[in-house]
PDB file of N, CA and C in Angstrom:
ATOM      1  N   MET A   1     -14.788 -14.333  52.668  1.00  0.00           N
ATOM      2  CA  MET A   1     -13.846 -14.844  51.686  1.00  0.00           C
ATOM      3  C   MET A   1     -14.442 -14.893  50.290  1.00  0.00           C
ATOM      4  N   ASN A   2     -15.718 -14.865  50.204  1.00  0.00           N
ATOM      5  CA  ASN A   2     -16.372 -14.922  48.921  1.00  0.00           C
ATOM      6  C   ASN A   2     -16.028 -13.699  48.067  1.00  0.00           C
ATOM      7  N   VAL A   3     -15.953 -12.531  48.693  1.00  0.00           N
ATOM      8  CA  VAL A   3     -15.627 -11.295  47.979  1.00  0.00           C
ATOM      9  C   VAL A   3     -14.180 -11.355  47.487  1.00  0.00           C
ATOM     10  N   LEU A   4     -13.276 -11.858  48.310  1.00  0.00           N
ATOM     11  CA  LEU A   4     -11.880 -11.978  47.898  1.00  0.00           C
ATOM     12  C   LEU A   4     -11.719 -12.951  46.733  1.00  0.00           C
ATOM     13  N   GLU A   5     -12.431 -14.023  46.752  1.00  0.00           N
ATOM     14  CA  GLU A   5     -12.364 -14.980  45.651  1.00  0.00           C
ATOM     15  C   GLU A   5     -12.865 -14.355  44.350  1.00  0.00           C
ATOM     16  N   GLN A   6     -13.915 -13.556  44.442  1.00  0.00           N
ATOM     17  CA  GLN A   6     -14.440 -12.879  43.247  1.00  0.00           C
ATOM     18  C   GLN A   6     -13.417 -11.888  42.703  1.00  0.00           C
ATOM     19  N   ILE A   7     -12.789 -11.136  43.594  1.00  0.00           N
ATOM     20  CA  ILE A   7     -11.786 -10.153  43.176  1.00  0.00           C
ATOM     21  C   ILE A   7     -10.596 -10.854  42.537  1.00  0.00           C
ATOM     22  N   ASN A   8     -10.128 -11.955  43.134  1.00  0.00           N
ATOM     23  CA  ASN A   8      -9.008 -12.700  42.561  1.00  0.00           C
ATOM     24  C   ASN A   8      -9.365 -13.276  41.188  1.00  0.00           C
ATOM     25  N   ALA A   9     -10.601 -13.734  41.034  1.00  0.00           N
ATOM     26  CA  ALA A   9     -11.039 -14.273  39.749  1.00  0.00           C
ATOM     27  C   ALA A   9     -11.065 -13.171  38.689  1.00  0.00           C
ATOM     28  N   GLU A  10     -11.524 -11.979  39.077  1.00  0.00           N
ATOM     29  CA  GLU A  10     -11.534 -10.849  38.143  1.00  0.00           C
ATOM     30  C   GLU A  10     -10.114 -10.449  37.763  1.00  0.00           C
ATOM     31  N   ILE A  11      -9.210 -10.449  38.729  1.00  0.00           N
ATOM     32  CA  ILE A  11      -7.810 -10.108  38.467  1.00  0.00           C
ATOM     33  C   ILE A  11      -7.195 -11.118  37.495  1.00  0.00           C
ATOM     34  N   GLU A  12      -7.445 -12.396  37.694  1.00  0.00           N
ATOM     35  CA  GLU A  12      -6.927 -13.424  36.792  1.00  0.00           C
ATOM     36  C   GLU A  12      -7.487 -13.247  35.378  1.00  0.00           C
ATOM     37  N   ASN A  13      -8.780 -12.920  35.301  1.00  0.00           N
ATOM     38  CA  ASN A  13      -9.415 -12.704  34.007  1.00  0.00           C
ATOM     39  C   ASN A  13      -8.786 -11.503  33.290  1.00  0.00           C
ATOM     40  N   LEU A  14      -8.569 -10.413  34.024  1.00  0.00           N
ATOM     41  CA  LEU A  14      -7.942  -9.219  33.438  1.00  0.00           C
ATOM     42  C   LEU A  14      -6.504  -9.507  33.006  1.00  0.00           C
ATOM     43  N   ASN A  15      -5.760 -10.263  33.810  1.00  0.00           N
ATOM     44  CA  ASN A  15      -4.390 -10.628  33.438  1.00  0.00           C
ATOM     45  C   ASN A  15      -4.364 -11.461  32.152  1.00  0.00           C
ATOM     46  N   ALA A  16      -5.323 -12.345  32.002  1.00  0.00           N
ATOM     47  CA  ALA A  16      -5.402 -13.151  30.780  1.00  0.00           C
ATOM     48  C   ALA A  16      -5.712 -12.273  29.574  1.00  0.00           C
ATOM     49  N   GLN A  17      -6.603 -11.304  29.752  1.00  0.00           N
ATOM     50  CA  GLN A  17      -6.929 -10.389  28.652  1.00  0.00           C
ATOM     51  C   GLN A  17      -5.726  -9.536  28.270  1.00  0.00           C
ATOM     52  N   ILE A  18      -4.988  -9.059  29.274  1.00  0.00           N
ATOM     53  CA  ILE A  18      -3.791  -8.254  29.018  1.00  0.00           C
ATOM     54  C   ILE A  18      -2.753  -9.085  28.267  1.00  0.00           C
ATOM     55  N   ALA A  19      -2.562 -10.314  28.669  1.00  0.00           N
ATOM     56  CA  ALA A  19      -1.589 -11.188  27.997  1.00  0.00           C
ATOM     57  C   ALA A  19      -1.995 -11.423  26.539  1.00  0.00           C
ATOM     58  N   ALA A  20      -3.295 -11.611  26.297  1.00  0.00           N
ATOM     59  CA  ALA A  20      -3.767 -11.826  24.926  1.00  0.00           C
ATOM     60  C   ALA A  20      -3.549 -10.577  24.082  1.00  0.00           C
ATOM     61  N   LEU A  21      -3.815  -9.412  24.645  1.00  0.00           N
ATOM     62  CA  LEU A  21      -3.595  -8.157  23.913  1.00  0.00           C
ATOM     63  C   LEU A  21      -2.116  -7.930  23.618  1.00  0.00           C
ATOM     64  N   GLU A  22      -1.253  -8.239  24.565  1.00  0.00           N
ATOM     65  CA  GLU A  22       0.185  -8.081  24.349  1.00  0.00           C
ATOM     66  C   GLU A  22       0.683  -9.024  23.261  1.00  0.00           C
ATOM     67  N   GLU A  23       0.172 -10.244  23.247  1.00  0.00           N
ATOM     68  CA  GLU A  23       0.538 -11.201  22.198  1.00  0.00           C
ATOM     69  C   GLU A  23       0.116 -10.691  20.829  1.00  0.00           C
ATOM     70  N   ASN A  24      -1.101 -10.185  20.749  1.00  0.00           N
ATOM     71  CA  ASN A  24      -1.625  -9.657  19.494  1.00  0.00           C
ATOM     72  C   ASN A  24      -0.804  -8.459  19.034  1.00  0.00           C
ATOM     73  N   ASN A  25      -0.439  -7.589  19.961  1.00  0.00           N
ATOM     74  CA  ASN A  25       0.347  -6.406  19.642  1.00  0.00           C
ATOM     75  C   ASN A  25       1.734  -6.787  19.147  1.00  0.00           C
ATOM     76  N   GLU A  26       2.358  -7.779  19.783  1.00  0.00           N
ATOM     77  CA  GLU A  26       3.688  -8.233  19.360  1.00  0.00           C
ATOM     78  C   GLU A  26       3.645  -8.845  17.971  1.00  0.00           C
ATOM     79  N   SER A  27       2.587  -9.588  17.661  1.00  0.00           N
ATOM     80  CA  SER A  27       2.492 -10.205  16.342  1.00  0.00           C
ATOM     81  C   SER A  27       2.296  -9.154  15.265  1.00  0.00           C
ATOM     82  N   GLN A  28       1.611  -8.056  15.571  1.00  0.00           N
ATOM     83  CA  GLN A  28       1.431  -6.989  14.596  1.00  0.00           C
ATOM     84  C   GLN A  28       2.718  -6.216  14.398  1.00  0.00           C
ATOM     85  N   GLN A  29       3.492  -6.029  15.437  1.00  0.00           N
ATOM     86  CA  GLN A  29       4.743  -5.297  15.323  1.00  0.00           C
ATOM     87  C   GLN A  29       5.826  -6.126  14.656  1.00  0.00           C
ATOM     88  N   SER A  30       5.708  -7.423  14.673  1.00  0.00           N
ATOM     89  CA  SER A  30       6.755  -8.265  14.110  1.00  0.00           C
ATOM     90  C   SER A  30       6.732  -8.294  12.586  1.00  0.00           C
ATOM     91  N   THR A  31       5.615  -7.859  11.964  1.00  0.00           N
ATOM     92  CA  THR A  31       5.589  -7.803  10.506  1.00  0.00           C
ATOM     93  C   THR A  31       6.480  -6.665  10.066  1.00  0.00           C
ATOM     94  N   LYS A  32       7.542  -7.011   9.363  1.00  0.00           N
ATOM     95  CA  LYS A  32       8.561  -6.046   8.993  1.00  0.00           C
ATOM     96  C   LYS A  32       8.155  -5.305   7.730  1.00  0.00           C
ATOM     97  N   ARG A  33       8.205  -4.002   7.787  1.00  0.00           N
ATOM     98  CA  ARG A  33       7.910  -3.182   6.623  1.00  0.00           C
ATOM     99  C   ARG A  33       9.149  -3.064   5.754  1.00  0.00           C
ATOM    100  N   GLY A  34       8.921  -2.812   4.495  1.00  0.00           N
ATOM    101  CA  GLY A  34      10.035  -2.594   3.588  1.00  0.00           C
ATOM    102  C   GLY A  34      10.662  -1.236   3.843  1.00  0.00           C
ATOM    103  N   ARG A  35      11.742  -0.981   3.162  1.00  0.00           N
ATOM    104  CA  ARG A  35      12.428   0.295   3.311  1.00  0.00           C
ATOM    105  C   ARG A  35      11.615   1.404   2.661  1.00  0.00           C
ATOM    106  N   GLY A  36      11.743   2.599   3.173  1.00  0.00           N
ATOM    107  CA  GLY A  36      11.104   3.759   2.584  1.00  0.00           C
ATOM    108  C   GLY A  36       9.642   3.896   2.966  1.00  0.00           C
ATOM    109  N   ARG A  37       9.009   4.859   2.327  1.00  0.00           N
ATOM    110  CA  ARG A  37       7.605   5.115   2.607  1.00  0.00           C
ATOM    111  C   ARG A  37       6.724   4.095   1.919  1.00  0.00           C
ATOM    112  N   PRO A  38       5.550   3.849   2.462  1.00  0.00           N
ATOM    113  CA  PRO A  38       4.623   2.961   1.766  1.00  0.00           C
ATOM    114  C   PRO A  38       4.085   3.652   0.517  1.00  0.00           C
ATOM    115  N   PRO A  39       3.746   2.897  -0.509  1.00  0.00           N
ATOM    116  CA  PRO A  39       3.269   3.526  -1.739  1.00  0.00           C
ATOM    117  C   PRO A  39       1.923   4.210  -1.530  1.00  0.00           C
ATOM    118  N   VAL A  40       1.711   5.293  -2.283  1.00  0.00           N
ATOM    119  CA  VAL A  40       0.450   6.020  -2.214  1.00  0.00           C
ATOM    120  C   VAL A  40      -0.661   5.175  -2.806  1.00  0.00           C
ATOM    121  N   VAL A  41      -0.347   4.482  -3.892  1.00  0.00           N
ATOM    122  CA  VAL A  41      -1.315   3.642  -4.589  1.00  0.00           C
ATOM    123  C   VAL A  41      -0.740   2.231  -4.667  1.00  0.00           C
ATOM    124  N   GLU A  42      -1.569   1.234  -4.425  1.00  0.00           N
ATOM    125  CA  GLU A  42      -1.117  -0.155  -4.495  1.00  0.00           C
ATOM    126  C   GLU A  42      -0.749  -0.519  -5.944  1.00  0.00           C
ATOM    127  N   ASP A  43       0.044  -1.576  -6.101  1.00  0.00           N
ATOM    128  CA  ASP A  43       0.539  -1.972  -7.419  1.00  0.00           C
ATOM    129  C   ASP A  43      -0.589  -2.294  -8.394  1.00  0.00           C
ATOM    130  N   LYS A  44      -1.584  -3.045  -7.956  1.00  0.00           N
ATOM    131  CA  LYS A  44      -2.666  -3.442  -8.855  1.00  0.00           C
ATOM    132  C   LYS A  44      -3.437  -2.226  -9.345  1.00  0.00           C
ATOM    133  N   GLU A  45      -3.733  -1.283  -8.442  1.00  0.00           N
ATOM    134  CA  GLU A  45      -4.428  -0.061  -8.835  1.00  0.00           C
ATOM    135  C   GLU A  45      -3.569   0.754  -9.793  1.00  0.00           C
ATOM    136  N   PHE A  46      -2.262   0.834  -9.511  1.00  0.00           N
ATOM    137  CA  PHE A  46      -1.352   1.585 -10.365  1.00  0.00           C
ATOM    138  C   PHE A  46      -1.367   1.013 -11.776  1.00  0.00           C
ATOM    139  N   ILE A  47      -1.291  -0.297 -11.889  1.00  0.00           N
ATOM    140  CA  ILE A  47      -1.277  -0.944 -13.200  1.00  0.00           C
ATOM    141  C   ILE A  47      -2.582  -0.667 -13.944  1.00  0.00           C
ATOM    142  N   ASP A  48      -3.711  -0.767 -13.249  1.00  0.00           N
ATOM    143  CA  ASP A  48      -5.001  -0.509 -13.893  1.00  0.00           C
ATOM    144  C   ASP A  48      -5.105   0.931 -14.386  1.00  0.00           C
ATOM    145  N   ILE A  49      -4.703   1.896 -13.549  1.00  0.00           N
ATOM    146  CA  ILE A  49      -4.766   3.307 -13.943  1.00  0.00           C
ATOM    147  C   ILE A  49      -3.811   3.584 -15.089  1.00  0.00           C
ATOM    148  N   TRP A  50      -2.618   3.018 -15.032  1.00  0.00           N
ATOM    149  CA  TRP A  50      -1.614   3.238 -16.077  1.00  0.00           C
ATOM    150  C   TRP A  50      -2.099   2.694 -17.420  1.00  0.00           C
ATOM    151  N   ASN A  51      -2.582   1.466 -17.431  1.00  0.00           N
ATOM    152  CA  ASN A  51      -3.032   0.863 -18.687  1.00  0.00           C
ATOM    153  C   ASN A  51      -4.256   1.586 -19.245  1.00  0.00           C
ATOM    154  N   ALA A  52      -5.168   2.011 -18.386  1.00  0.00           N
ATOM    155  CA  ALA A  52      -6.337   2.754 -18.852  1.00  0.00           C
ATOM    156  C   ALA A  52      -5.924   4.095 -19.454  1.00  0.00           C
ATOM    157  N   ALA A  53      -4.925   4.730 -18.863  1.00  0.00           N
ATOM    158  CA  ALA A  53      -4.469   6.026 -19.367  1.00  0.00           C
ATOM    159  C   ALA A  53      -3.785   5.887 -20.722  1.00  0.00           C
ATOM    160  N   THR A  54      -3.016   4.823 -20.909  1.00  0.00           N
ATOM    161  CA  THR A  54      -2.348   4.651 -22.201  1.00  0.00           C
ATOM    162  C   THR A  54      -3.365   4.367 -23.296  1.00  0.00           C
ATOM    163  N   GLN A  55      -4.439   3.682 -22.982  1.00  0.00           N
ATOM    164  CA  GLN A  55      -5.469   3.403 -23.980  1.00  0.00           C
ATOM    165  C   GLN A  55      -6.329   4.630 -24.258  1.00  0.00           C
ATOM    166  N   ALA A  56      -6.467   5.528 -23.261  1.00  0.00           N
ATOM    167  CA  ALA A  56      -7.292   6.724 -23.428  1.00  0.00           C
ATOM    168  C   ALA A  56      -6.530   7.866 -24.094  1.00  0.00           C
ATOM    169  N   GLY A  57      -5.236   7.690 -24.308  1.00  0.00           N
ATOM    170  CA  GLY A  57      -4.447   8.718 -24.976  1.00  0.00           C
ATOM    171  C   GLY A  57      -3.924   9.798 -24.044  1.00  0.00           C
ATOM    172  N   LYS A  58      -3.882   9.528 -22.760  1.00  0.00           N
ATOM    173  CA  LYS A  58      -3.339  10.498 -21.808  1.00  0.00           C
ATOM    174  C   LYS A  58      -1.818  10.472 -21.877  1.00  0.00           C
ATOM    175  N   ASN A  59      -1.197  11.483 -21.254  1.00  0.00           N
ATOM    176  CA  ASN A  59       0.264  11.482 -21.192  1.00  0.00           C
ATOM    177  C   ASN A  59       0.721  11.239 -19.749  1.00  0.00           C
ATOM    178  N   LEU A  60       2.014  11.199 -19.547  1.00  0.00           N
ATOM    179  CA  LEU A  60       2.594  10.861 -18.244  1.00  0.00           C
ATOM    180  C   LEU A  60       2.182  11.853 -17.163  1.00  0.00           C
ATOM    181  N   LYS A  61       2.157  13.142 -17.498  1.00  0.00           N
ATOM    182  CA  LYS A  61       1.804  14.156 -16.506  1.00  0.00           C
ATOM    183  C   LYS A  61       0.371  13.970 -16.025  1.00  0.00           C
ATOM    184  N   GLN A  62      -0.528  13.650 -16.921  1.00  0.00           N
ATOM    185  CA  GLN A  62      -1.927  13.456 -16.538  1.00  0.00           C
ATOM    186  C   GLN A  62      -2.082  12.232 -15.636  1.00  0.00           C
ATOM    187  N   VAL A  63      -1.359  11.186 -15.924  1.00  0.00           N
ATOM    188  CA  VAL A  63      -1.409   9.982 -15.088  1.00  0.00           C
ATOM    189  C   VAL A  63      -0.858  10.285 -13.702  1.00  0.00           C
ATOM    190  N   ALA A  64       0.248  11.036 -13.641  1.00  0.00           N
ATOM    191  CA  ALA A  64       0.848  11.373 -12.353  1.00  0.00           C
ATOM    192  C   ALA A  64      -0.112  12.202 -11.504  1.00  0.00           C
ATOM    193  N   VAL A  65      -0.835  13.122 -12.129  1.00  0.00           N
ATOM    194  CA  VAL A  65      -1.822  13.923 -11.389  1.00  0.00           C
ATOM    195  C   VAL A  65      -2.933  13.019 -10.866  1.00  0.00           C
ATOM    196  N   ASP A  66      -3.394  12.066 -11.682  1.00  0.00           N
ATOM    197  CA  ASP A  66      -4.438  11.126 -11.258  1.00  0.00           C
ATOM    198  C   ASP A  66      -3.985  10.295 -10.057  1.00  0.00           C
ATOM    199  N   LEU A  67      -2.709   9.918 -10.044  1.00  0.00           N
ATOM    200  CA  LEU A  67      -2.171   9.079  -8.970  1.00  0.00           C
ATOM    201  C   LEU A  67      -1.742   9.885  -7.752  1.00  0.00           C
ATOM    202  N   GLY A  68      -1.525  11.194  -7.938  1.00  0.00           N
ATOM    203  CA  GLY A  68      -1.086  12.034  -6.828  1.00  0.00           C
ATOM    204  C   GLY A  68       0.393  11.918  -6.534  1.00  0.00           C
ATOM    205  N   ILE A  69       1.193  11.594  -7.562  1.00  0.00           N
ATOM    206  CA  ILE A  69       2.648  11.486  -7.385  1.00  0.00           C
ATOM    207  C   ILE A  69       3.333  12.288  -8.485  1.00  0.00           C
ATOM    208  N   ALA A  70       4.642  12.420  -8.381  1.00  0.00           N
ATOM    209  CA  ALA A  70       5.416  13.151  -9.376  1.00  0.00           C
ATOM    210  C   ALA A  70       5.527  12.334 -10.662  1.00  0.00           C
ATOM    211  N   PRO A  71       5.604  13.011 -11.826  1.00  0.00           N
ATOM    212  CA  PRO A  71       5.727  12.274 -13.099  1.00  0.00           C
ATOM    213  C   PRO A  71       6.950  11.360 -13.147  1.00  0.00           C
ATOM    214  N   ALA A  72       8.076  11.823 -12.603  1.00  0.00           N
ATOM    215  CA  ALA A  72       9.277  10.983 -12.605  1.00  0.00           C
ATOM    216  C   ALA A  72       9.062   9.730 -11.759  1.00  0.00           C
ATOM    217  N   SER A  73       8.373   9.880 -10.625  1.00  0.00           N
ATOM    218  CA  SER A  73       8.101   8.729  -9.764  1.00  0.00           C
ATOM    219  C   SER A  73       7.191   7.729 -10.456  1.00  0.00           C
ATOM    220  N   ALA A  74       6.209   8.240 -11.188  1.00  0.00           N
ATOM    221  CA  ALA A  74       5.297   7.354 -11.911  1.00  0.00           C
ATOM    222  C   ALA A  74       6.041   6.571 -12.986  1.00  0.00           C
ATOM    223  N   SER A  75       6.929   7.251 -13.696  1.00  0.00           N
ATOM    224  CA  SER A  75       7.695   6.598 -14.749  1.00  0.00           C
ATOM    225  C   SER A  75       8.618   5.518 -14.194  1.00  0.00           C
ATOM    226  N   VAL A  76       9.305   5.831 -13.100  1.00  0.00           N
ATOM    227  CA  VAL A  76      10.219   4.867 -12.476  1.00  0.00           C
ATOM    228  C   VAL A  76       9.446   3.671 -11.940  1.00  0.00           C
ATOM    229  N   ARG A  77       8.312   3.954 -11.322  1.00  0.00           N
ATOM    230  CA  ARG A  77       7.519   2.852 -10.766  1.00  0.00           C
ATOM    231  C   ARG A  77       7.015   1.941 -11.868  1.00  0.00           C
ATOM    232  N   ALA A  78       6.608   2.524 -12.999  1.00  0.00           N
ATOM    233  CA  ALA A  78       6.146   1.712 -14.125  1.00  0.00           C
ATOM    234  C   ALA A  78       7.270   0.823 -14.648  1.00  0.00           C
ATOM    235  N   SER A  79       8.474   1.381 -14.764  1.00  0.00           N
ATOM    236  CA  SER A  79       9.577   0.569 -15.277  1.00  0.00           C
ATOM    237  C   SER A  79       9.947  -0.538 -14.289  1.00  0.00           C
ATOM    238  N   LEU A  80       9.891  -0.248 -12.988  1.00  0.00           N
ATOM    239  CA  LEU A  80      10.197  -1.280 -11.993  1.00  0.00           C
ATOM    240  C   LEU A  80       9.136  -2.388 -12.007  1.00  0.00           C
ATOM    241  N   LEU A  81       7.882  -2.007 -12.198  1.00  0.00           N
ATOM    242  CA  LEU A  81       6.825  -3.020 -12.272  1.00  0.00           C
ATOM    243  C   LEU A  81       6.975  -3.876 -13.535  1.00  0.00           C
ATOM    244  N   ARG A  82       7.431  -3.251 -14.623  1.00  0.00           N
ATOM    245  CA  ARG A  82       7.687  -4.036 -15.846  1.00  0.00           C
ATOM    246  C   ARG A  82       8.805  -5.045 -15.604  1.00  0.00           C
ATOM    247  N   LYS A  83       9.847  -4.617 -14.881  1.00  0.00           N
ATOM    248  CA  LYS A  83      10.959  -5.526 -14.581  1.00  0.00           C
ATOM    249  C   LYS A  83      10.507  -6.697 -13.728  1.00  0.00           C
ATOM    250  N   LYS A  84       9.504  -6.469 -12.856  1.00  0.00           N
ATOM    251  CA  LYS A  84       8.974  -7.545 -12.019  1.00  0.00           C
ATOM    252  C   LYS A  84       8.135  -8.527 -12.818  1.00  0.00           C
ATOM    253  N   GLY A  85       7.790  -8.160 -14.061  1.00  0.00           N
ATOM    254  CA  GLY A  85       7.026  -9.077 -14.895  1.00  0.00           C
ATOM    255  C   GLY A  85       5.581  -8.674 -15.097  1.00  0.00           C
ATOM    256  N   ASN A  86       5.182  -7.501 -14.618  1.00  0.00           N
ATOM    257  CA  ASN A  86       3.819  -7.041 -14.826  1.00  0.00           C
ATOM    258  C   ASN A  86       3.664  -6.486 -16.240  1.00  0.00           C
ATOM    259  N   ASP A  87       2.456  -6.562 -16.765  1.00  0.00           N
ATOM    260  CA  ASP A  87       2.184  -6.118 -18.124  1.00  0.00           C
ATOM    261  C   ASP A  87       1.667  -4.680 -18.091  1.00  0.00           C
ATOM    262  N   LEU A  88       2.552  -3.718 -18.353  1.00  0.00           N
ATOM    263  CA  LEU A  88       2.178  -2.312 -18.429  1.00  0.00           C
ATOM    264  C   LEU A  88       2.392  -1.814 -19.850  1.00  0.00           C
ATOM    265  N   ASN A  89       1.389  -1.139 -20.367  1.00  0.00           N
ATOM    266  CA  ASN A  89       1.503  -0.561 -21.705  1.00  0.00           C
ATOM    267  C   ASN A  89       2.488   0.599 -21.667  1.00  0.00           C
ATOM    268  N   GLU A  90       3.039   0.934 -22.830  1.00  0.00           N
ATOM    269  CA  GLU A  90       3.946   2.070 -22.915  1.00  0.00           C
ATOM    270  C   GLU A  90       3.247   3.203 -23.638  1.00  0.00           C
ATOM    271  N   PHE A  91       3.596   4.435 -23.272  1.00  0.00           N
ATOM    272  CA  PHE A  91       3.040   5.598 -23.950  1.00  0.00           C
ATOM    273  C   PHE A  91       3.655   5.713 -25.340  1.00  0.00           C
ATOM    274  N   ARG A  92       2.941   6.385 -26.228  1.00  0.00           N
ATOM    275  CA  ARG A  92       3.464   6.585 -27.578  1.00  0.00           C
ATOM    276  C   ARG A  92       4.676   7.494 -27.515  1.00  0.00           C
ATOM    277  N   ARG A  93       5.643   7.230 -28.346  1.00  0.00           N
ATOM    278  CA  ARG A  93       6.871   8.024 -28.361  1.00  0.00           C
ATOM    279  C   ARG A  93       6.660   9.319 -29.145  1.00  0.00           C
ATOM    280  N   GLY A  94       7.469  10.315 -28.812  1.00  0.00           N
ATOM    281  CA  GLY A  94       7.455  11.568 -29.564  1.00  0.00           C
ATOM    282  C   GLY A  94       6.417  12.548 -29.072  1.00  0.00           C
ATOM    283  N   ARG A  95       6.437  13.710 -29.711  1.00  0.00           N
ATOM    284  CA  ARG A  95       5.503  14.767 -29.343  1.00  0.00           C
ATOM    285  C   ARG A  95       4.175  14.557 -30.047  1.00  0.00           C
ATOM    286  N   ARG A  96       3.142  15.027 -29.438  1.00  0.00           N
ATOM    287  CA  ARG A  96       1.809  14.972 -30.037  1.00  0.00           C
ATOM    288  C   ARG A  96       1.720  16.035 -31.134  1.00  0.00           C
ATOM    289  N   LYS A  97       0.985  15.736 -32.164  1.00  0.00           N
ATOM    290  CA  LYS A  97       0.773  16.693 -33.241  1.00  0.00           C
ATOM    291  C   LYS A  97      -0.287  17.701 -32.822  1.00  0.00           C
ATOM    292  N   LYS A  98      -0.043  18.956 -33.130  1.00  0.00           N
ATOM    293  CA  LYS A  98      -1.024  19.987 -32.848  1.00  0.00           C
ATOM    294  C   LYS A  98      -2.093  19.948 -33.924  1.00  0.00           C
ATOM    295  N   ILE A  99      -3.311  20.115 -33.514  1.00  0.00           N
ATOM    296  CA  ILE A  99      -4.413  20.082 -34.483  1.00  0.00           C
ATOM    297  C   ILE A  99      -4.883  21.479 -34.782  1.00  0.00           C
TER     298      ILE A  99
END
């Protein structure tokens, strides 16, 4: 009977581990994602790159290449972040002068 008791104890231990893993898995799945794809770059990084680019004299296309997204997407994201209350610099208006 000693062998059977050991086997039953191991089975109970494994069942407890399985239950703990299932609980952990359910808690991870319960975090609801927002609609659409996740952003390529987090908001804080985007703001830092955007503000650095405006101070360095870059244009929208160069920033979009740095971020790995389309220029229109970068522009829309910047305006949405401004609406949320984040401080994003704006690019200079008009065409650059040729030297």
